[in-house]
């Protein structure tokens, strides 16, 4: 049996479930490919940017050198956050070290939010796709039972389509969820390593300038 004829033979709910699973799969794969490329580039850029910073004689020159490597703008926001502007606001109140800590924390949170972008979608797809497929399975079995009841007799041709549709929905739900879960874990480890480097750099930067 082929999947397409079975899906086209289903009703609106079956088609909606199939379209939803397809959309979840496409969205998750777009995020997987994009995040994998971004994190691979960001890991190398971060290492080169940090090395360039500590080899520079001044912070101003370090910022220029880091700008040559930091294509994803993960290190530059931390350096630029150390430029404290004088103003009559609560943000400028307190000791220099406190102001640096606040500025670096805000910049670090913004950078980490950029790194984490897309992870929620992968987690959501991985957690919900099996249940969406299970719903399609239950609906397919219901279709099969309804076909048997209206036919008045049990024949293979009356139940083969809905049962095949139900099994396809189960497999589709797992096929969508498994790559999303694996990618979430693998990408999460890469994000964790970059986060650790950036957090350590933020602490060193605060100690250097405070």
Protein backbone atom coordinates (compact mmCIF):
# COMPACT_ATOMS: atom_id res chain seq x y z
CA UNK A 1 0.00 0.00 0.00
CA UNK A 2 1.14 3.53 -0.71
CA UNK A 3 0.76 6.33 1.79
CA UNK A 4 -0.67 8.98 -0.54
CA UNK A 5 -3.78 7.07 -1.67
CA UNK A 6 -4.55 6.13 1.93
CA UNK A 7 -4.28 9.72 3.11
CA UNK A 8 -6.35 11.11 0.24
CA UNK A 9 -9.01 8.53 1.00
CA UNK A 10 -9.37 9.82 4.56
CA UNK A 11 -11.72 12.51 5.74
CA UNK A 12 -10.91 16.13 6.63
CA UNK A 13 -9.62 15.33 10.09
CA UNK A 14 -7.22 12.70 8.77
CA UNK A 15 -5.91 15.12 6.17
CA UNK A 16 -5.58 17.86 8.80
CA UNK A 17 -3.51 15.56 11.02
CA UNK A 18 -1.30 14.62 8.07
CA UNK A 19 -0.79 18.28 7.10
CA UNK A 20 -0.02 19.18 10.72
CA UNK A 21 2.61 16.44 10.97
CA UNK A 22 4.11 17.56 7.66
CA UNK A 23 4.28 21.18 8.86
CA UNK A 24 5.89 20.12 12.14
CA UNK A 25 8.44 18.03 10.27
CA UNK A 26 9.34 20.82 7.84
CA UNK A 27 9.60 23.39 10.64
CA UNK A 28 11.79 21.15 12.79
CA UNK A 29 14.13 20.27 9.91
CA UNK A 30 14.49 23.92 8.96
CA UNK A 31 15.49 24.71 12.55
CA UNK A 32 17.79 21.67 12.74
CA UNK A 33 19.71 22.57 9.58
CA UNK A 34 19.84 26.28 10.34
CA UNK A 35 20.84 25.85 13.99
CA UNK A 36 23.42 23.21 13.15
CA UNK A 37 25.10 25.54 10.66
CA UNK A 38 24.84 28.55 12.97
CA UNK A 39 26.23 26.79 16.04
CA UNK A 40 29.08 25.22 14.07
CA UNK A 41 30.10 28.66 12.85
CA UNK A 42 29.46 30.33 16.20
CA UNK A 43 31.66 27.86 18.09
CA UNK A 44 34.66 28.61 15.89
CA UNK A 45 33.99 32.34 15.81
CA UNK A 46 33.68 32.52 19.59
CA UNK A 47 36.99 30.77 20.15
CA UNK A 48 38.78 33.04 17.66
CA UNK A 49 37.09 36.16 19.03
CA UNK A 50 38.10 35.42 22.62
CA UNK A 51 41.67 34.70 21.56
CA UNK A 52 41.81 37.95 19.59
CA UNK A 53 40.44 39.91 22.54
CA UNK A 54 43.05 38.74 25.02
CA UNK A 55 45.88 39.30 22.54
CA UNK A 56 44.93 42.94 21.92
CA UNK A 57 46.72 45.71 23.89
CA UNK A 58 43.56 47.74 24.68
CA UNK A 59 39.82 47.17 24.86
CA UNK A 60 39.22 49.53 21.93
CA UNK A 61 41.62 47.62 19.69
CA UNK A 62 40.24 44.34 20.99
CA UNK A 63 36.76 45.37 19.89
CA UNK A 64 38.04 46.04 16.38
CA UNK A 65 39.83 42.70 16.23
CA UNK A 66 36.83 40.77 17.55
CA UNK A 67 34.63 42.43 14.93
CA UNK A 68 36.63 40.61 12.25
CA UNK A 69 35.72 37.18 13.65
CA UNK A 70 32.42 37.54 15.50
CA UNK A 71 30.01 37.06 12.57
CA UNK A 72 27.09 36.06 14.81
CA UNK A 73 27.64 38.99 17.20
CA UNK A 74 27.99 36.88 20.34
CA UNK A 75 31.12 38.45 21.84
CA UNK A 76 30.86 42.03 20.61
CA UNK A 77 27.70 42.85 22.65
CA UNK A 78 29.56 41.91 25.83
CA UNK A 79 32.48 44.17 24.98
CA UNK A 80 30.24 47.05 24.01
CA UNK A 81 28.23 46.65 27.22
CA UNK A 82 31.30 47.70 29.20
CA UNK A 83 31.02 51.25 27.81
CA UNK A 84 29.10 52.82 30.68
CA UNK A 85 27.35 56.07 29.94
CA UNK A 86 26.80 58.63 32.69
CA UNK A 87 23.15 59.52 33.24
CA UNK A 88 20.82 60.48 36.07
CA UNK A 89 18.99 57.16 36.16
CA UNK A 90 18.91 54.15 38.43
CA UNK A 91 20.75 52.20 35.75
CA UNK A 92 23.80 54.39 36.31
CA UNK A 93 23.58 54.27 40.09
CA UNK A 94 25.95 52.26 42.23
CA UNK A 95 29.60 51.35 42.08
CA UNK A 96 31.34 50.76 38.76
CA UNK A 97 31.55 47.02 39.37
CA UNK A 98 27.81 46.86 40.03
CA UNK A 99 27.05 48.79 36.86
CA UNK A 100 29.35 46.52 34.87
CA UNK A 101 27.71 43.44 36.32
CA UNK A 102 24.26 44.74 35.39
CA UNK A 103 25.29 45.74 31.87
CA UNK A 104 27.11 42.48 31.19
CA UNK A 105 24.24 40.43 32.57
CA UNK A 106 21.75 42.14 30.26
CA UNK A 107 24.02 41.72 27.25
CA UNK A 108 24.69 38.09 28.11
CA UNK A 109 20.98 37.33 28.43
CA UNK A 110 20.35 38.83 24.98
CA UNK A 111 23.15 36.75 23.45
CA UNK A 112 21.97 33.55 25.12
CA UNK A 113 18.41 34.21 23.93
CA UNK A 114 19.78 34.33 20.38
CA UNK A 115 21.55 31.01 20.89
CA UNK A 116 18.45 29.37 22.38
CA UNK A 117 16.17 30.49 19.55
CA UNK A 118 14.45 27.49 17.95
CA UNK A 119 15.03 25.11 20.84
CA UNK A 120 11.47 25.56 22.10
CA UNK A 121 10.09 24.53 18.73
CA UNK A 122 12.20 21.36 18.67
CA UNK A 123 11.13 20.48 22.19
CA UNK A 124 7.48 21.12 21.35
CA UNK A 125 7.60 19.01 18.19
CA UNK A 126 9.41 16.20 19.97
CA UNK A 127 6.87 16.17 22.79
CA UNK A 128 3.66 16.57 20.78
CA UNK A 129 4.23 14.83 17.42
CA UNK A 130 3.74 11.28 18.82
CA UNK A 131 0.41 12.31 20.31
CA UNK A 132 -0.68 13.97 17.07
CA UNK A 133 0.17 10.73 15.28
CA UNK A 134 -1.66 8.77 17.96
CA UNK A 135 -4.74 10.91 17.42
CA UNK A 136 -4.55 10.07 13.72
CA UNK A 137 -4.26 6.41 14.66
CA UNK A 138 -7.33 6.51 16.89
CA UNK A 139 -9.28 8.37 14.24
CA UNK A 140 -8.25 5.81 11.61
CA UNK A 141 -9.39 2.95 13.80
CA UNK A 142 -12.67 4.75 14.38
CA UNK A 143 -13.02 5.02 10.63
CA UNK A 144 -12.40 1.30 10.29
CA UNK A 145 -15.04 0.44 12.88
CA UNK A 146 -17.54 2.80 11.26
CA UNK A 147 -16.90 1.24 7.86
CA UNK A 148 -17.48 -2.22 9.31
CA UNK A 149 -20.72 -1.12 10.97
CA UNK A 150 -22.15 0.53 7.85
CA UNK A 151 -21.08 -2.31 5.56
CA UNK A 152 -22.95 -4.89 7.51
CA UNK A 153 -20.26 -7.43 6.89
CA UNK A 154 -16.55 -7.59 7.58
CA UNK A 155 -14.45 -7.44 4.43
CA UNK A 156 -10.81 -6.62 3.96
CA UNK A 157 -11.42 -3.86 1.44
CA UNK A 158 -13.67 -2.01 3.89
CA UNK A 159 -11.14 -1.83 6.72
CA UNK A 160 -7.78 -2.03 4.94
CA UNK A 161 -7.73 1.65 4.00
CA UNK A 162 -8.57 3.13 7.42
CA UNK A 163 -6.32 0.66 9.26
CA UNK A 164 -3.44 1.38 6.89
CA UNK A 165 -4.07 5.09 7.36
CA UNK A 166 -3.96 4.64 11.13
CA UNK A 167 -0.64 2.79 11.00
CA UNK A 168 0.85 5.46 8.75
CA UNK A 169 -0.17 8.17 11.21
CA UNK A 170 1.58 6.31 14.03
CA UNK A 171 4.78 5.93 12.03
CA UNK A 172 4.61 9.55 10.84
CA UNK A 173 4.28 10.86 14.38
CA UNK A 174 7.38 8.96 15.46
CA UNK A 175 9.28 9.95 12.32
CA UNK A 176 8.62 13.61 13.10
CA UNK A 177 9.35 13.41 16.83
CA UNK A 178 12.56 11.36 16.89
CA UNK A 179 14.75 13.73 14.80
CA UNK A 180 13.45 16.72 16.77
CA UNK A 181 14.32 15.12 20.11
CA UNK A 182 17.78 14.01 18.96
CA UNK A 183 18.52 17.42 17.48
CA UNK A 184 17.32 19.18 20.63
CA UNK A 185 19.78 17.19 22.74
CA UNK A 186 22.73 17.51 20.32
CA UNK A 187 22.20 21.21 19.67
CA UNK A 188 21.62 21.81 23.38
CA UNK A 189 25.08 20.44 24.17
CA UNK A 190 26.64 22.75 21.57
CA UNK A 191 24.74 25.71 22.98
CA UNK A 192 25.85 24.78 26.49
CA UNK A 193 29.53 24.83 25.50
CA UNK A 194 29.22 28.24 23.86
CA UNK A 195 27.25 29.57 26.82
CA UNK A 196 29.97 28.43 29.22
CA UNK A 197 32.62 30.25 27.16
CA UNK A 198 30.56 33.45 27.03
CA UNK A 199 29.71 33.37 30.73
CA UNK A 200 33.36 32.86 31.63
CA UNK A 201 34.38 35.71 29.34
CA UNK A 202 31.76 38.00 30.92
CA UNK A 203 33.13 37.25 34.39
CA UNK A 204 36.73 37.84 33.26
CA UNK A 205 35.71 41.04 31.53
CA UNK A 206 33.99 42.36 34.66
CA UNK A 207 37.04 41.57 36.79
CA UNK A 208 39.32 43.21 34.24
CA UNK A 209 37.40 46.50 34.06
CA UNK A 210 35.94 46.86 37.53
